[in-house]
Amino acid sequence: MVNQKLIKETLSLIQLSAMEPKEKAMWMLLLSEMEEGQILKLKKSLEKETSGLNDLLLKAIQSK
């Protein structure tokens, strides 16, 4: 059984992602069928994306 904390963390990152709403919905549906290794890979990718978006936002704020 996949760690529930891992699923919750991944769901939060999906919500923060810049992907299209349909793609977010697809990932949320697939999440329950994925193995832990697959979820960890998705989570890592989402963390990279959201970190990049945060960095971009901070640079924009600092440049004002």
Protein backbone atom coordinates (compact mmCIF):
# COMPACT_ATOMS: atom_id res chain seq x y z
CA MET A 1 0.00 0.00 0.00
CA VAL A 2 1.27 3.45 -0.95
CA ASN A 3 2.04 5.88 1.86
CA GLN A 4 -0.97 8.21 2.34
CA LYS A 5 1.31 11.13 3.26
CA LEU A 6 3.10 10.73 -0.08
CA ILE A 7 -0.23 10.83 -1.92
CA LYS A 8 -1.36 13.96 -0.04
CA GLU A 9 1.92 15.74 -0.74
CA THR A 10 1.72 14.82 -4.42
CA LEU A 11 -1.90 15.98 -4.66
CA SER A 12 -0.90 19.35 -3.20
CA LEU A 13 1.86 19.70 -5.77
CA ILE A 14 -0.52 18.79 -8.59
CA GLN A 15 -2.79 21.64 -7.50
CA LEU A 16 0.16 24.08 -7.58
CA SER A 17 1.26 22.92 -11.01
CA ALA A 18 0.86 25.02 -14.14
CA MET A 19 -0.57 22.07 -16.09
CA GLU A 20 -4.00 22.24 -17.70
CA PRO A 21 -7.02 21.34 -15.53
CA LYS A 22 -7.74 18.21 -17.59
CA GLU A 23 -4.18 17.00 -17.10
CA LYS A 24 -4.41 17.66 -13.35
CA ALA A 25 -7.63 15.63 -13.22
CA MET A 26 -5.99 12.80 -15.13
CA TRP A 27 -3.05 12.65 -12.71
CA MET A 28 -5.38 12.72 -9.72
CA LEU A 29 -7.29 9.74 -11.13
CA LEU A 30 -4.11 7.84 -12.00
CA LEU A 31 -2.52 8.48 -8.62
CA SER A 32 -4.53 5.79 -6.87
CA GLU A 33 -3.34 3.20 -9.43
CA MET A 34 0.34 4.13 -9.33
CA GLU A 35 3.08 2.34 -7.45
CA GLU A 36 5.12 4.20 -4.85
CA GLY A 37 8.15 4.52 -7.15
CA GLN A 38 6.01 6.09 -9.86
CA ILE A 39 4.46 8.55 -7.40
CA LEU A 40 7.90 9.51 -6.11
CA LYS A 41 9.03 10.21 -9.68
CA LEU A 42 5.93 12.35 -10.34
CA LYS A 43 6.38 14.17 -7.02
CA LYS A 44 10.02 14.96 -7.83
CA SER A 45 9.02 16.36 -11.22
CA LEU A 46 6.26 18.48 -9.66
CA GLU A 47 8.63 19.76 -6.96
CA LYS A 48 11.07 20.84 -9.66
CA GLU A 49 8.30 22.62 -11.58
CA THR A 50 6.82 24.41 -8.56
CA SER A 51 10.27 25.40 -7.31
CA GLY A 52 11.03 26.92 -10.70
CA LEU A 53 7.75 28.81 -10.71
CA ASN A 54 8.42 30.10 -7.20
CA ASP A 55 11.88 31.27 -8.21
CA LEU A 56 10.46 33.04 -11.24
CA LEU A 57 7.83 34.79 -9.10
CA LEU A 58 10.42 35.88 -6.53
CA LYS A 59 12.67 37.31 -9.27
CA ALA A 60 9.73 39.24 -10.70
CA ILE A 61 8.86 40.65 -7.28
CA GLN A 62 12.48 41.63 -6.57
CA SER A 63 12.87 43.39 -9.89
CA LYS A 64 10.05 45.84 -9.14
